[in-house]
Amino acid sequence: MRLLLALLFISASGYAQTSVLGKWKTIDDETNKEKSVVEIFEKGGKVYGKITRLFRNKNEDQDPVCLECDEEDDRFKKKIIGMEIIRDMKKDGTEFSEGTILDPNNGKVYRCRIWLEGSELKVRGYLGPFYRTQTWLPFK
């Protein structure tokens, strides 16, 4: 019995997210606070991500719309919860690229690349030669 419990503990503690698919908690890289939960899913052979939850202060709008999005973007004035922010990502070896990610805070759309490092998801947005990488954590 002790051996069985030890094996269960070892296999549970060694668990790591093995796919980019699933729910991820985003962390603000300036404040280190939780920002949202993004669900990454596959559709038509590509990978997409939508916001399923926002972590907001009590004095903030709990169900905001994207007023900063470009007026030509189909997400302009749409609710952020439920919004597809990652689009058209194609598998390229161990990562996904060639798609885009939207930052609803500023309305900008960036070229995007995502990959796993252990149990963390790395999300990199590019604007020309410049980029910023965020670390997202599994959300349970």
Protein backbone atom coordinates (compact mmCIF):
# COMPACT_ATOMS: atom_id res chain seq x y z
CA MET A 1 0.00 0.00 0.00
CA ARG A 2 2.81 2.43 0.86
CA LEU A 3 4.45 1.69 -2.49
CA LEU A 4 1.22 2.45 -4.31
CA LEU A 5 0.82 5.77 -2.45
CA ALA A 6 4.43 6.68 -3.17
CA LEU A 7 3.97 5.94 -6.89
CA LEU A 8 0.78 8.02 -7.00
CA PHE A 9 2.55 10.94 -5.31
CA ILE A 10 5.54 10.76 -7.66
CA SER A 11 3.38 10.65 -10.78
CA ALA A 12 1.15 13.50 -9.56
CA SER A 13 4.08 15.72 -8.60
CA GLY A 14 5.76 15.06 -11.94
CA TYR A 15 2.67 16.18 -13.85
CA ALA A 16 3.35 18.99 -16.27
CA GLN A 17 1.14 20.52 -18.90
CA THR A 18 2.16 18.77 -22.12
CA SER A 19 0.07 20.78 -24.56
CA VAL A 20 -0.55 24.45 -25.22
CA LEU A 21 -4.26 23.56 -25.30
CA GLY A 22 -6.21 24.28 -22.13
CA LYS A 23 -6.73 27.15 -19.72
CA TRP A 24 -3.89 29.52 -18.82
CA LYS A 25 -3.66 32.28 -16.23
CA THR A 26 -2.06 35.42 -17.62
CA ILE A 27 0.16 37.54 -15.38
CA ASP A 28 0.72 41.27 -15.83
CA ASP A 29 4.46 41.62 -16.44
CA GLU A 30 4.50 45.10 -14.85
CA THR A 31 2.54 44.38 -11.65
CA ASN A 32 2.93 40.57 -11.41
CA LYS A 33 -0.83 40.37 -10.72
CA GLU A 34 -3.24 37.91 -12.32
CA LYS A 35 -4.97 39.51 -15.31
CA SER A 36 -7.11 36.90 -16.99
CA VAL A 37 -7.70 33.30 -17.94
CA VAL A 38 -7.24 32.40 -21.61
CA GLU A 39 -8.53 29.14 -23.02
CA ILE A 40 -6.41 27.89 -25.92
CA PHE A 41 -8.16 25.54 -28.31
CA GLU A 42 -7.81 24.04 -31.77
CA LYS A 43 -10.16 24.95 -34.61
CA GLY A 44 -9.69 23.98 -38.25
CA GLY A 45 -6.14 22.75 -37.69
CA LYS A 46 -5.02 26.05 -36.12
CA VAL A 47 -4.78 27.23 -32.52
CA TYR A 48 -6.85 30.07 -31.06
CA GLY A 49 -7.25 31.58 -27.61
CA LYS A 50 -10.16 33.37 -25.96
CA ILE A 51 -10.50 35.17 -22.66
CA THR A 52 -12.81 33.27 -20.31
CA ARG A 53 -12.28 35.30 -17.13
CA LEU A 54 -10.88 38.65 -16.01
CA PHE A 55 -9.39 39.43 -12.62
CA ARG A 56 -10.50 43.02 -11.99
CA ASN A 57 -10.50 45.39 -9.05
CA LYS A 58 -13.89 46.12 -7.51
CA ASN A 59 -13.84 49.69 -8.86
CA GLU A 60 -13.20 48.51 -12.46
CA ASP A 61 -15.79 47.51 -15.04
CA GLN A 62 -16.22 43.75 -14.53
CA ASP A 63 -17.38 43.10 -18.11
CA PRO A 64 -15.59 45.67 -20.31
CA VAL A 65 -15.63 46.05 -24.08
CA CYS A 66 -12.64 46.66 -26.35
CA LEU A 67 -12.85 50.38 -27.03
CA GLU A 68 -9.14 50.52 -27.91
CA CYS A 69 -9.46 47.98 -30.74
CA ASP A 70 -9.19 49.32 -34.26
CA GLU A 71 -12.62 50.24 -35.65
CA GLU A 72 -11.94 47.94 -38.63
CA ASP A 73 -11.28 44.98 -36.30
CA ASP A 74 -14.30 42.72 -35.75
CA ARG A 75 -13.56 42.86 -31.99
CA PHE A 76 -14.10 46.64 -31.74
CA LYS A 77 -16.69 47.43 -29.03
CA LYS A 78 -17.12 43.71 -28.28
CA LYS A 79 -16.99 42.22 -24.78
CA ILE A 80 -13.50 41.18 -23.71
CA ILE A 81 -14.77 38.11 -21.83
CA GLY A 82 -15.30 35.56 -24.59
CA MET A 83 -13.10 37.50 -27.02
CA GLU A 84 -10.72 35.60 -29.28
CA ILE A 85 -7.36 37.28 -28.69
CA ILE A 86 -5.11 34.62 -30.25
CA ARG A 87 -5.81 33.72 -33.87
CA ASP A 88 -4.51 31.49 -36.66
CA MET A 89 -1.52 29.93 -34.89
CA LYS A 90 0.14 27.14 -36.89
CA LYS A 91 2.22 24.35 -35.40
CA ASP A 92 5.90 24.72 -36.25
CA GLY A 93 7.84 21.92 -34.56
CA THR A 94 7.44 22.34 -30.80
CA GLU A 95 5.91 25.81 -31.01
CA PHE A 96 3.10 27.68 -32.70
CA SER A 97 3.61 30.77 -34.84
CA GLU A 98 2.38 32.76 -37.86
CA GLY A 99 -0.70 33.91 -35.95
CA THR A 100 -1.60 37.04 -34.03
CA ILE A 101 -2.40 38.14 -30.51
CA LEU A 102 -4.50 41.15 -29.51
CA ASP A 103 -3.82 43.20 -26.40
CA PRO A 104 -7.32 44.46 -25.49
CA ASN A 105 -5.81 47.10 -23.18
CA ASN A 106 -4.29 49.03 -26.07
CA GLY A 107 -6.09 47.48 -29.06
CA LYS A 108 -2.85 46.52 -30.79
CA VAL A 109 -2.46 43.29 -32.72
CA TYR A 110 0.97 41.65 -32.67
CA ARG A 111 2.55 38.75 -34.55
CA CYS A 112 2.71 35.92 -32.06
CA ARG A 113 4.66 32.82 -31.10
CA ILE A 114 3.82 30.42 -28.25
CA TRP A 115 5.66 27.45 -26.79
CA LEU A 116 5.91 25.39 -23.61
CA GLU A 117 8.80 25.56 -21.16
CA GLY A 118 8.10 22.92 -18.55
CA SER A 119 4.60 23.58 -17.27
CA GLU A 120 4.66 27.26 -18.30
CA LEU A 121 3.41 28.73 -21.55
CA LYS A 122 5.63 31.37 -23.14
CA VAL A 123 3.72 33.91 -25.23
CA ARG A 124 5.74 36.31 -27.35
CA GLY A 125 4.27 39.23 -29.25
CA TYR A 126 6.27 40.96 -32.00
CA LEU A 127 6.04 44.50 -33.31
CA GLY A 128 8.61 44.79 -36.07
CA PRO A 129 11.98 43.65 -34.70
CA PHE A 130 10.87 44.23 -31.10
CA TYR A 131 9.13 41.68 -28.90
CA ARG A 132 7.83 41.06 -25.41
CA THR A 133 7.46 37.65 -23.80
CA GLN A 134 4.96 36.78 -21.09
CA THR A 135 4.80 33.65 -18.97
CA TRP A 136 1.35 32.14 -18.52
CA LEU A 137 0.62 29.53 -15.88
CA PRO A 138 -1.74 26.54 -16.00
CA PHE A 139 -5.18 27.41 -14.61
CA LYS A 140 -7.02 24.75 -12.69
